[in-house]
PDB file of N, CA and C in Angstrom:
ATOM      1  N   MET A   1       5.836 -11.236  41.007  1.00  0.00           N
ATOM      2  CA  MET A   1       6.744 -11.588  39.939  1.00  0.00           C
ATOM      3  C   MET A   1       8.126 -11.870  40.510  1.00  0.00           C
ATOM      4  N   LYS A   2       8.639 -13.017  40.139  1.00  0.00           N
ATOM      5  CA  LYS A   2       9.980 -13.291  40.629  1.00  0.00           C
ATOM      6  C   LYS A   2      11.008 -12.828  39.601  1.00  0.00           C
ATOM      7  N   SER A   3      12.165 -12.468  40.061  1.00  0.00           N
ATOM      8  CA  SER A   3      13.223 -12.009  39.179  1.00  0.00           C
ATOM      9  C   SER A   3      14.035 -13.193  38.705  1.00  0.00           C
ATOM     10  N   ASP A   4      14.390 -13.193  37.404  1.00  0.00           N
ATOM     11  CA  ASP A   4      15.218 -14.270  36.874  1.00  0.00           C
ATOM     12  C   ASP A   4      16.561 -13.735  36.388  1.00  0.00           C
ATOM     13  N   HIS A   5      16.972 -12.562  36.860  1.00  0.00           N
ATOM     14  CA  HIS A   5      18.203 -11.958  36.365  1.00  0.00           C
ATOM     15  C   HIS A   5      19.454 -12.706  36.809  1.00  0.00           C
ATOM     16  N   ASN A   6      19.336 -13.631  37.760  1.00  0.00           N
ATOM     17  CA  ASN A   6      20.487 -14.405  38.200  1.00  0.00           C
ATOM     18  C   ASN A   6      20.574 -15.763  37.520  1.00  0.00           C
ATOM     19  N   LEU A   7      19.657 -16.078  36.623  1.00  0.00           N
ATOM     20  CA  LEU A   7      19.654 -17.364  35.941  1.00  0.00           C
ATOM     21  C   LEU A   7      20.695 -17.387  34.831  1.00  0.00           C
ATOM     22  N   PRO A   8      21.230 -18.564  34.514  1.00  0.00           N
ATOM     23  CA  PRO A   8      22.147 -18.653  33.375  1.00  0.00           C
ATOM     24  C   PRO A   8      21.422 -18.265  32.089  1.00  0.00           C
ATOM     25  N   ILE A   9      22.193 -17.845  31.099  1.00  0.00           N
ATOM     26  CA  ILE A   9      21.602 -17.331  29.868  1.00  0.00           C
ATOM     27  C   ILE A   9      20.746 -18.367  29.150  1.00  0.00           C
ATOM     28  N   ASP A  10      21.066 -19.670  29.317  1.00  0.00           N
ATOM     29  CA  ASP A  10      20.298 -20.688  28.613  1.00  0.00           C
ATOM     30  C   ASP A  10      19.168 -21.275  29.457  1.00  0.00           C
ATOM     31  N   ALA A  11      18.911 -20.714  30.616  1.00  0.00           N
ATOM     32  CA  ALA A  11      17.816 -21.179  31.458  1.00  0.00           C
ATOM     33  C   ALA A  11      16.501 -20.686  30.878  1.00  0.00           C
ATOM     34  N   VAL A  12      15.544 -21.559  30.842  1.00  0.00           N
ATOM     35  CA  VAL A  12      14.223 -21.210  30.302  1.00  0.00           C
ATOM     36  C   VAL A  12      13.227 -21.277  31.439  1.00  0.00           C
ATOM     37  N   PRO A  13      12.606 -20.142  31.769  1.00  0.00           N
ATOM     38  CA  PRO A  13      11.621 -20.172  32.843  1.00  0.00           C
ATOM     39  C   PRO A  13      10.393 -20.965  32.414  1.00  0.00           C
ATOM     40  N   ALA A  14       9.641 -21.471  33.355  1.00  0.00           N
ATOM     41  CA  ALA A  14       8.406 -22.185  33.056  1.00  0.00           C
ATOM     42  C   ALA A  14       7.464 -21.268  32.300  1.00  0.00           C
ATOM     43  N   SER A  15       6.613 -21.854  31.458  1.00  0.00           N
ATOM     44  CA  SER A  15       5.712 -21.035  30.651  1.00  0.00           C
ATOM     45  C   SER A  15       4.809 -20.168  31.509  1.00  0.00           C
ATOM     46  N   SER A  16       4.497 -20.625  32.716  1.00  0.00           N
ATOM     47  CA  SER A  16       3.654 -19.821  33.597  1.00  0.00           C
ATOM     48  C   SER A  16       4.389 -18.590  34.124  1.00  0.00           C
ATOM     49  N   ASP A  17       5.723 -18.561  33.958  1.00  0.00           N
ATOM     50  CA  ASP A  17       6.516 -17.434  34.426  1.00  0.00           C
ATOM     51  C   ASP A  17       6.754 -16.394  33.331  1.00  0.00           C
ATOM     52  N   ASN A  18       6.025 -16.477  32.239  1.00  0.00           N
ATOM     53  CA  ASN A  18       6.239 -15.569  31.117  1.00  0.00           C
ATOM     54  C   ASN A  18       5.584 -14.221  31.416  1.00  0.00           C
ATOM     55  N   PHE A  19       6.137 -13.521  32.385  1.00  0.00           N
ATOM     56  CA  PHE A  19       5.563 -12.244  32.802  1.00  0.00           C
ATOM     57  C   PHE A  19       5.958 -11.100  31.880  1.00  0.00           C
ATOM     58  N   ARG A  20       6.943 -11.312  31.005  1.00  0.00           N
ATOM     59  CA  ARG A  20       7.398 -10.229  30.139  1.00  0.00           C
ATOM     60  C   ARG A  20       6.453  -9.956  28.977  1.00  0.00           C
ATOM     61  N   MET A  21       5.657 -10.943  28.602  1.00  0.00           N
ATOM     62  CA  MET A  21       4.837 -10.784  27.410  1.00  0.00           C
ATOM     63  C   MET A  21       3.367 -10.956  27.774  1.00  0.00           C
ATOM     64  N   SER A  22       2.617  -9.908  27.590  1.00  0.00           N
ATOM     65  CA  SER A  22       1.194  -9.978  27.844  1.00  0.00           C
ATOM     66  C   SER A  22       0.502 -10.636  26.663  1.00  0.00           C
ATOM     67  N   THR A  23      -0.673 -11.149  26.927  1.00  0.00           N
ATOM     68  CA  THR A  23      -1.463 -11.700  25.824  1.00  0.00           C
ATOM     69  C   THR A  23      -2.003 -10.564  24.980  1.00  0.00           C
ATOM     70  N   VAL A  24      -2.388 -10.864  23.762  1.00  0.00           N
ATOM     71  CA  VAL A  24      -2.954  -9.844  22.879  1.00  0.00           C
ATOM     72  C   VAL A  24      -4.198  -9.254  23.507  1.00  0.00           C
ATOM     73  N   GLU A  25      -5.036 -10.119  24.074  1.00  0.00           N
ATOM     74  CA  GLU A  25      -6.274  -9.626  24.680  1.00  0.00           C
ATOM     75  C   GLU A  25      -5.982  -8.646  25.805  1.00  0.00           C
ATOM     76  N   HIS A  26      -4.984  -8.965  26.635  1.00  0.00           N
ATOM     77  CA  HIS A  26      -4.641  -8.080  27.744  1.00  0.00           C
ATOM     78  C   HIS A  26      -4.027  -6.787  27.227  1.00  0.00           C
ATOM     79  N   THR A  27      -3.159  -6.889  26.250  1.00  0.00           N
ATOM     80  CA  THR A  27      -2.475  -5.720  25.716  1.00  0.00           C
ATOM     81  C   THR A  27      -3.452  -4.758  25.054  1.00  0.00           C
ATOM     82  N   LEU A  28      -4.367  -5.299  24.266  1.00  0.00           N
ATOM     83  CA  LEU A  28      -5.299  -4.447  23.527  1.00  0.00           C
ATOM     84  C   LEU A  28      -6.529  -4.093  24.340  1.00  0.00           C
ATOM     85  N   GLY A  29      -6.757  -4.793  25.422  1.00  0.00           N
ATOM     86  CA  GLY A  29      -7.910  -4.496  26.244  1.00  0.00           C
ATOM     87  C   GLY A  29      -9.199  -5.086  25.697  1.00  0.00           C
ATOM     88  N   HIS A  30      -9.122  -5.928  24.677  1.00  0.00           N
ATOM     89  CA  HIS A  30     -10.306  -6.581  24.127  1.00  0.00           C
ATOM     90  C   HIS A  30      -9.887  -7.848  23.397  1.00  0.00           C
ATOM     91  N   THR A  31     -10.849  -8.618  22.973  1.00  0.00           N
ATOM     92  CA  THR A  31     -10.545  -9.817  22.211  1.00  0.00           C
ATOM     93  C   THR A  31     -10.961  -9.608  20.759  1.00  0.00           C
ATOM     94  N   PHE A  32     -10.413 -10.420  19.880  1.00  0.00           N
ATOM     95  CA  PHE A  32     -10.768 -10.361  18.469  1.00  0.00           C
ATOM     96  C   PHE A  32     -12.039 -11.162  18.228  1.00  0.00           C
ATOM     97  N   SER A  33     -12.754 -10.795  17.172  1.00  0.00           N
ATOM     98  CA  SER A  33     -13.907 -11.596  16.772  1.00  0.00           C
ATOM     99  C   SER A  33     -13.388 -12.949  16.302  1.00  0.00           C
ATOM    100  N   PRO A  34     -14.216 -13.976  16.304  1.00  0.00           N
ATOM    101  CA  PRO A  34     -13.772 -15.293  15.847  1.00  0.00           C
ATOM    102  C   PRO A  34     -13.257 -15.268  14.406  1.00  0.00           C
ATOM    103  N   GLU A  35     -13.866 -14.448  13.555  1.00  0.00           N
ATOM    104  CA  GLU A  35     -13.433 -14.361  12.159  1.00  0.00           C
ATOM    105  C   GLU A  35     -12.040 -13.757  12.040  1.00  0.00           C
ATOM    106  N   VAL A  36     -11.816 -12.667  12.769  1.00  0.00           N
ATOM    107  CA  VAL A  36     -10.510 -12.007  12.738  1.00  0.00           C
ATOM    108  C   VAL A  36      -9.457 -12.910  13.367  1.00  0.00           C
ATOM    109  N   ARG A  37      -9.823 -13.579  14.450  1.00  0.00           N
ATOM    110  CA  ARG A  37      -8.876 -14.491  15.108  1.00  0.00           C
ATOM    111  C   ARG A  37      -8.480 -15.628  14.164  1.00  0.00           C
ATOM    112  N   ALA A  38      -9.457 -16.176  13.424  1.00  0.00           N
ATOM    113  CA  ALA A  38      -9.167 -17.260  12.477  1.00  0.00           C
ATOM    114  C   ALA A  38      -8.234 -16.764  11.375  1.00  0.00           C
ATOM    115  N   GLU A  39      -8.484 -15.552  10.888  1.00  0.00           N
ATOM    116  CA  GLU A  39      -7.628 -14.974   9.849  1.00  0.00           C
ATOM    117  C   GLU A  39      -6.208 -14.738  10.378  1.00  0.00           C
ATOM    118  N   LEU A  40      -6.108 -14.251  11.588  1.00  0.00           N
ATOM    119  CA  LEU A  40      -4.805 -14.026  12.214  1.00  0.00           C
ATOM    120  C   LEU A  40      -4.062 -15.350  12.424  1.00  0.00           C
ATOM    121  N   ASP A  41      -4.772 -16.346  12.933  1.00  0.00           N
ATOM    122  CA  ASP A  41      -4.150 -17.656  13.144  1.00  0.00           C
ATOM    123  C   ASP A  41      -3.647 -18.246  11.834  1.00  0.00           C
ATOM    124  N   GLU A  42      -4.421 -18.107  10.770  1.00  0.00           N
ATOM    125  CA  GLU A  42      -4.007 -18.622   9.459  1.00  0.00           C
ATOM    126  C   GLU A  42      -2.782 -17.867   8.947  1.00  0.00           C
ATOM    127  N   ALA A  43      -2.747 -16.563   9.125  1.00  0.00           N
ATOM    128  CA  ALA A  43      -1.595 -15.767   8.692  1.00  0.00           C
ATOM    129  C   ALA A  43      -0.345 -16.187   9.469  1.00  0.00           C
ATOM    130  N   ILE A  44      -0.489 -16.426  10.753  1.00  0.00           N
ATOM    131  CA  ILE A  44       0.645 -16.865  11.575  1.00  0.00           C
ATOM    132  C   ILE A  44       1.118 -18.237  11.114  1.00  0.00           C
ATOM    133  N   ARG A  45       0.176 -19.145  10.853  1.00  0.00           N
ATOM    134  CA  ARG A  45       0.545 -20.479  10.391  1.00  0.00           C
ATOM    135  C   ARG A  45       1.330 -20.403   9.087  1.00  0.00           C
ATOM    136  N   ARG A  46       0.837 -19.578   8.144  1.00  0.00           N
ATOM    137  CA  ARG A  46       1.521 -19.436   6.855  1.00  0.00           C
ATOM    138  C   ARG A  46       2.924 -18.849   7.045  1.00  0.00           C
ATOM    139  N   ALA A  47       3.029 -17.837   7.881  1.00  0.00           N
ATOM    140  CA  ALA A  47       4.331 -17.202   8.103  1.00  0.00           C
ATOM    141  C   ALA A  47       5.314 -18.181   8.721  1.00  0.00           C
ATOM    142  N   MET A  48       4.856 -18.969   9.667  1.00  0.00           N
ATOM    143  CA  MET A  48       5.740 -19.915  10.344  1.00  0.00           C
ATOM    144  C   MET A  48       6.150 -21.074   9.437  1.00  0.00           C
ATOM    145  N   SER A  49       5.291 -21.423   8.492  1.00  0.00           N
ATOM    146  CA  SER A  49       5.600 -22.552   7.610  1.00  0.00           C
ATOM    147  C   SER A  49       6.396 -22.122   6.379  1.00  0.00           C
ATOM    148  N   GLY A  50       6.475 -20.801   6.155  1.00  0.00           N
ATOM    149  CA  GLY A  50       7.170 -20.314   4.969  1.00  0.00           C
ATOM    150  C   GLY A  50       6.305 -20.350   3.724  1.00  0.00           C
ATOM    151  N   GLU A  51       5.046 -20.696   3.886  1.00  0.00           N
ATOM    152  CA  GLU A  51       4.107 -20.764   2.754  1.00  0.00           C
ATOM    153  C   GLU A  51       3.795 -19.352   2.254  1.00  0.00           C
ATOM    154  N   ARG A  52       3.888 -19.182   0.958  1.00  0.00           N
ATOM    155  CA  ARG A  52       3.620 -17.869   0.361  1.00  0.00           C
ATOM    156  C   ARG A  52       2.546 -18.030  -0.707  1.00  0.00           C
ATOM    157  N   ASP A  53       1.394 -17.448  -0.459  1.00  0.00           N
ATOM    158  CA  ASP A  53       0.281 -17.508  -1.402  1.00  0.00           C
ATOM    159  C   ASP A  53       0.185 -16.141  -2.084  1.00  0.00           C
ATOM    160  N   PRO A  54       0.532 -16.067  -3.379  1.00  0.00           N
ATOM    161  CA  PRO A  54       0.527 -14.773  -4.072  1.00  0.00           C
ATOM    162  C   PRO A  54      -0.816 -14.055  -4.029  1.00  0.00           C
ATOM    163  N   GLU A  55      -1.906 -14.789  -4.089  1.00  0.00           N
ATOM    164  CA  GLU A  55      -3.232 -14.158  -4.061  1.00  0.00           C
ATOM    165  C   GLU A  55      -3.516 -13.546  -2.693  1.00  0.00           C
ATOM    166  N   VAL A  56      -3.197 -14.265  -1.638  1.00  0.00           N
ATOM    167  CA  VAL A  56      -3.392 -13.746  -0.278  1.00  0.00           C
ATOM    168  C   VAL A  56      -2.512 -12.521  -0.064  1.00  0.00           C
ATOM    169  N   MET A  57      -1.278 -12.589  -0.551  1.00  0.00           N
ATOM    170  CA  MET A  57      -0.363 -11.457  -0.408  1.00  0.00           C
ATOM    171  C   MET A  57      -0.872 -10.235  -1.176  1.00  0.00           C
ATOM    172  N   ARG A  58      -1.398 -10.456  -2.370  1.00  0.00           N
ATOM    173  CA  ARG A  58      -1.932  -9.351  -3.171  1.00  0.00           C
ATOM    174  C   ARG A  58      -3.107  -8.692  -2.451  1.00  0.00           C
ATOM    175  N   LYS A  59      -4.021  -9.512  -1.921  1.00  0.00           N
ATOM    176  CA  LYS A  59      -5.182  -8.964  -1.203  1.00  0.00           C
ATOM    177  C   LYS A  59      -4.747  -8.184   0.036  1.00  0.00           C
ATOM    178  N   ALA A  60      -3.749  -8.702   0.751  1.00  0.00           N
ATOM    179  CA  ALA A  60      -3.261  -8.003   1.940  1.00  0.00           C
ATOM    180  C   ALA A  60      -2.664  -6.653   1.564  1.00  0.00           C
ATOM    181  N   CYS A  61      -1.898  -6.620   0.468  1.00  0.00           N
ATOM    182  CA  CYS A  61      -1.311  -5.349   0.009  1.00  0.00           C
ATOM    183  C   CYS A  61      -2.392  -4.350  -0.362  1.00  0.00           C
ATOM    184  N   GLU A  62      -3.410  -4.818  -1.069  1.00  0.00           N
ATOM    185  CA  GLU A  62      -4.513  -3.926  -1.440  1.00  0.00           C
ATOM    186  C   GLU A  62      -5.211  -3.377  -0.203  1.00  0.00           C
ATOM    187  N   ARG A  63      -5.438  -4.237   0.784  1.00  0.00           N
ATOM    188  CA  ARG A  63      -6.111  -3.796   2.015  1.00  0.00           C
ATOM    189  C   ARG A  63      -5.250  -2.780   2.763  1.00  0.00           C
ATOM    190  N   MET A  64      -3.943  -3.027   2.843  1.00  0.00           N
ATOM    191  CA  MET A  64      -3.050  -2.074   3.518  1.00  0.00           C
ATOM    192  C   MET A  64      -3.011  -0.738   2.780  1.00  0.00           C
ATOM    193  N   ASP A  65      -3.002  -0.782   1.440  1.00  0.00           N
ATOM    194  CA  ASP A  65      -3.015   0.455   0.647  1.00  0.00           C
ATOM    195  C   ASP A  65      -4.286   1.246   0.909  1.00  0.00           C
ATOM    196  N   ARG A  66      -5.441   0.547   0.945  1.00  0.00           N
ATOM    197  CA  ARG A  66      -6.712   1.237   1.222  1.00  0.00           C
ATOM    198  C   ARG A  66      -6.702   1.863   2.605  1.00  0.00           C
ATOM    199  N   MET A  67      -6.215   1.129   3.593  1.00  0.00           N
ATOM    200  CA  MET A  67      -6.178   1.656   4.957  1.00  0.00           C
ATOM    201  C   MET A  67      -5.254   2.862   5.052  1.00  0.00           C
ATOM    202  N   ARG A  68      -4.096   2.789   4.391  1.00  0.00           N
ATOM    203  CA  ARG A  68      -3.146   3.902   4.407  1.00  0.00           C
ATOM    204  C   ARG A  68      -3.771   5.145   3.781  1.00  0.00           C
ATOM    205  N   GLU A  69      -4.444   4.971   2.650  1.00  0.00           N
ATOM    206  CA  GLU A  69      -5.074   6.111   1.988  1.00  0.00           C
ATOM    207  C   GLU A  69      -6.218   6.676   2.822  1.00  0.00           C
ATOM    208  N   GLU A  70      -6.973   5.814   3.474  1.00  0.00           N
ATOM    209  CA  GLU A  70      -8.060   6.284   4.337  1.00  0.00           C
ATOM    210  C   GLU A  70      -7.494   7.117   5.485  1.00  0.00           C
ATOM    211  N   LEU A  71      -6.420   6.649   6.101  1.00  0.00           N
ATOM    212  CA  LEU A  71      -5.792   7.422   7.176  1.00  0.00           C
ATOM    213  C   LEU A  71      -5.239   8.745   6.658  1.00  0.00           C
ATOM    214  N   ARG A  72      -4.638   8.719   5.481  1.00  0.00           N
ATOM    215  CA  ARG A  72      -4.085   9.949   4.905  1.00  0.00           C
ATOM    216  C   ARG A  72      -5.200  10.964   4.634  1.00  0.00           C
ATOM    217  N   ARG A  73      -6.329  10.487   4.090  1.00  0.00           N
ATOM    218  CA  ARG A  73      -7.465  11.402   3.832  1.00  0.00           C
ATOM    219  C   ARG A  73      -8.030  11.948   5.136  1.00  0.00           C
ATOM    220  N   LYS A  74      -8.101  11.085   6.150  1.00  0.00           N
ATOM    221  CA  LYS A  74      -8.714  11.494   7.413  1.00  0.00           C
ATOM    222  C   LYS A  74      -7.821  12.416   8.238  1.00  0.00           C
ATOM    223  N   TYR A  75      -6.509  12.113   8.290  1.00  0.00           N
ATOM    224  CA  TYR A  75      -5.611  12.839   9.188  1.00  0.00           C
ATOM    225  C   TYR A  75      -4.507  13.619   8.493  1.00  0.00           C
ATOM    226  N   GLY A  76      -4.386  13.473   7.183  1.00  0.00           N
ATOM    227  CA  GLY A  76      -3.303  14.134   6.475  1.00  0.00           C
ATOM    228  C   GLY A  76      -2.018  13.344   6.603  1.00  0.00           C
ATOM    229  N   GLU A  77      -0.947  13.916   6.102  1.00  0.00           N
ATOM    230  CA  GLU A  77       0.361  13.245   6.146  1.00  0.00           C
ATOM    231  C   GLU A  77       0.862  13.218   7.587  1.00  0.00           C
ATOM    232  N   MET A  78       1.263  12.058   8.048  1.00  0.00           N
ATOM    233  CA  MET A  78       1.723  11.912   9.434  1.00  0.00           C
ATOM    234  C   MET A  78       3.198  11.534   9.420  1.00  0.00           C
ATOM    235  N   ASN A  79       4.057  12.479   9.674  1.00  0.00           N
ATOM    236  CA  ASN A  79       5.498  12.239   9.730  1.00  0.00           C
ATOM    237  C   ASN A  79       5.933  12.230  11.185  1.00  0.00           C
ATOM    238  N   ILE A  80       5.710  11.096  11.831  1.00  0.00           N
ATOM    239  CA  ILE A  80       5.993  11.017  13.264  1.00  0.00           C
ATOM    240  C   ILE A  80       7.117  10.050  13.593  1.00  0.00           C
ATOM    241  N   ALA A  81       7.629   9.327  12.613  1.00  0.00           N
ATOM    242  CA  ALA A  81       8.612   8.273  12.888  1.00  0.00           C
ATOM    243  C   ALA A  81       9.868   8.819  13.569  1.00  0.00           C
ATOM    244  N   VAL A  82      10.433   9.904  13.061  1.00  0.00           N
ATOM    245  CA  VAL A  82      11.668  10.441  13.634  1.00  0.00           C
ATOM    246  C   VAL A  82      11.440  10.851  15.083  1.00  0.00           C
ATOM    247  N   ASP A  83      10.321  11.505  15.361  1.00  0.00           N
ATOM    248  CA  ASP A  83      10.028  11.910  16.741  1.00  0.00           C
ATOM    249  C   ASP A  83       9.900  10.695  17.649  1.00  0.00           C
ATOM    250  N   LEU A  84       9.241   9.642  17.163  1.00  0.00           N
ATOM    251  CA  LEU A  84       9.090   8.436  17.976  1.00  0.00           C
ATOM    252  C   LEU A  84      10.430   7.759  18.229  1.00  0.00           C
ATOM    253  N   ILE A  85      11.276   7.690  17.222  1.00  0.00           N
ATOM    254  CA  ILE A  85      12.597   7.078  17.386  1.00  0.00           C
ATOM    255  C   ILE A  85      13.432   7.873  18.382  1.00  0.00           C
ATOM    256  N   ARG A  86      13.422   9.197  18.253  1.00  0.00           N
ATOM    257  CA  ARG A  86      14.186  10.029  19.197  1.00  0.00           C
ATOM    258  C   ARG A  86      13.669   9.863  20.612  1.00  0.00           C
ATOM    259  N   ALA A  87      12.349   9.835  20.749  1.00  0.00           N
ATOM    260  CA  ALA A  87      11.783   9.669  22.088  1.00  0.00           C
ATOM    261  C   ALA A  87      12.154   8.305  22.652  1.00  0.00           C
ATOM    262  N   GLY A  88      12.156   7.289  21.804  1.00  0.00           N
ATOM    263  CA  GLY A  88      12.533   5.955  22.252  1.00  0.00           C
ATOM    264  C   GLY A  88      13.973   5.866  22.686  1.00  0.00           C
ATOM    265  N   ARG A  89      14.813   6.651  22.081  1.00  0.00           N
ATOM    266  CA  ARG A  89      16.228   6.671  22.447  1.00  0.00           C
ATOM    267  C   ARG A  89      16.517   7.677  23.552  1.00  0.00           C
ATOM    268  N   GLU A  90      15.498   8.395  23.964  1.00  0.00           N
ATOM    269  CA  GLU A  90      15.616   9.469  24.935  1.00  0.00           C
ATOM    270  C   GLU A  90      16.588  10.535  24.454  1.00  0.00           C
ATOM    271  N   ASP A  91      16.472  10.837  23.186  1.00  0.00           N
ATOM    272  CA  ASP A  91      17.286  11.877  22.563  1.00  0.00           C
ATOM    273  C   ASP A  91      16.834  13.231  23.123  1.00  0.00           C
ATOM    274  N   PRO A  92      17.740  14.037  23.637  1.00  0.00           N
ATOM    275  CA  PRO A  92      17.356  15.335  24.192  1.00  0.00           C
ATOM    276  C   PRO A  92      16.598  16.209  23.182  1.00  0.00           C
ATOM    277  N   ARG A  93      16.892  16.038  21.914  1.00  0.00           N
ATOM    278  CA  ARG A  93      16.197  16.853  20.901  1.00  0.00           C
ATOM    279  C   ARG A  93      14.718  16.503  20.829  1.00  0.00           C
ATOM    280  N   SER A  94      14.319  15.303  21.315  1.00  0.00           N
ATOM    281  CA  SER A  94      12.906  14.911  21.265  1.00  0.00           C
ATOM    282  C   SER A  94      12.087  15.704  22.266  1.00  0.00           C
ATOM    283  N   LEU A  95      12.729  16.357  23.209  1.00  0.00           N
ATOM    284  CA  LEU A  95      12.027  17.103  24.231  1.00  0.00           C
ATOM    285  C   LEU A  95      11.826  18.564  23.851  1.00  0.00           C
ATOM    286  N   GLU A  96      12.353  18.954  22.693  1.00  0.00           N
ATOM    287  CA  GLU A  96      12.251  20.362  22.269  1.00  0.00           C
ATOM    288  C   GLU A  96      10.846  20.695  21.840  1.00  0.00           C
TER     289      GLU A  96
END
């Protein structure tokens, strides 16, 4: 990996030099099924175009609500945000 810390702020490295961002497959250690990938690609397209489909949004909210409730039933209430934020800031209190 070459360092680009000496480049001017408006310099854009070649796309092959994008070492800062891993692909989703590399990050997650697996690939998505074709169906999930198609759904993800469509969601990205809609978000980038500013298109808002109320029915799609309603279904997504319902799915997120179901997933949240399933996690709550399985693991109970998870209040971890403050601990994660403190750890991210290296707050000494996070080490207590």
